[in-house]
Amino acid sequence: MKYKQTGTNSWTIEVQENGKTKELFIEFPPEALDQVGWDLGDTLIWEELDHGAWQITKKENNNEKKIDS
């Protein structure tokens, strides 16, 4: 894993490349996953912000049924 903790609640994580497929990926440090409450298998939403940074949030599971009235 290629990451560095830069503060109490901040990390720098290197984007890696799969040598065979050329697919890009990142590996989150376990401590970072614990901080944000993410688990293996969670769906994450990537959003590019106006100033060029990226925000990653966990997709909430909406299994509630809507009832038409």
Protein backbone atom coordinates (compact mmCIF):
# COMPACT_ATOMS: atom_id res chain seq x y z
CA MET A 1 0.00 0.00 0.00
CA LYS A 2 1.21 3.45 -0.82
CA TYR A 3 -0.11 6.01 1.61
CA LYS A 4 1.03 8.49 4.20
CA GLN A 5 -0.89 9.97 7.10
CA THR A 6 -0.44 13.74 6.91
CA GLY A 7 -2.54 14.73 9.92
CA THR A 8 -4.95 13.35 12.48
CA ASN A 9 -7.75 13.04 9.91
CA SER A 10 -5.93 13.37 6.59
CA TRP A 11 -4.07 11.03 4.27
CA THR A 12 -2.20 11.18 0.99
CA ILE A 13 -2.91 8.03 -1.02
CA GLU A 14 -1.07 7.20 -4.23
CA VAL A 15 -3.03 6.13 -7.30
CA GLN A 16 -1.65 2.80 -8.50
CA GLU A 17 -1.93 0.96 -11.82
CA ASN A 18 -2.63 -2.72 -12.41
CA GLY A 19 0.28 -3.92 -14.56
CA LYS A 20 -1.87 -6.30 -16.64
CA THR A 21 -5.14 -4.39 -17.10
CA LYS A 22 -3.74 -0.83 -16.74
CA GLU A 23 -6.74 -0.15 -14.47
CA LEU A 24 -6.12 2.57 -11.89
CA PHE A 25 -6.90 1.95 -8.21
CA ILE A 26 -6.18 3.15 -4.69
CA GLU A 27 -5.92 1.20 -1.47
CA PHE A 28 -7.25 2.88 1.64
CA PRO A 29 -5.32 2.39 4.89
CA PRO A 30 -7.38 0.42 7.46
CA GLU A 31 -7.08 3.34 9.89
CA ALA A 32 -8.62 5.71 7.32
CA LEU A 33 -11.51 3.30 6.69
CA ASP A 34 -12.15 3.13 10.43
CA GLN A 35 -12.16 6.94 10.70
CA VAL A 36 -14.88 7.38 8.08
CA GLY A 37 -16.90 4.26 8.90
CA TRP A 38 -16.36 2.48 5.58
CA ASP A 39 -16.10 -1.29 5.17
CA LEU A 40 -14.87 -3.58 2.42
CA GLY A 41 -17.66 -3.93 -0.14
CA ASP A 42 -19.13 -0.45 0.41
CA THR A 43 -20.02 1.50 -2.73
CA LEU A 44 -18.19 4.82 -2.92
CA ILE A 45 -19.20 7.86 -4.95
CA TRP A 46 -16.43 9.95 -6.52
CA GLU A 47 -17.26 13.59 -7.17
CA GLU A 48 -14.95 16.15 -8.78
CA LEU A 49 -15.20 19.51 -7.03
CA ASP A 50 -15.08 22.91 -8.76
CA HIS A 51 -11.47 23.59 -7.72
CA GLY A 52 -10.13 20.31 -9.14
CA ALA A 53 -10.09 18.28 -5.93
CA TRP A 54 -12.06 15.08 -5.45
CA GLN A 55 -14.56 14.11 -2.76
CA ILE A 56 -15.35 10.48 -1.96
CA THR A 57 -18.49 9.59 -0.04
CA LYS A 58 -20.16 6.33 0.86
CA LYS A 59 -23.36 5.56 -1.03
CA GLU A 60 -26.10 5.08 1.50
CA ASN A 61 -28.29 2.02 1.06
CA ASN A 62 -31.85 3.10 0.35
CA ASN A 63 -33.80 -0.13 0.76
CA GLU A 64 -36.89 1.58 2.11
CA LYS A 65 -40.05 1.01 0.10
CA LYS A 66 -41.99 4.05 -1.00
CA ILE A 67 -45.70 3.83 -0.35
CA ASP A 68 -47.95 5.85 -2.65
CA SER A 69 -50.82 7.55 -0.85
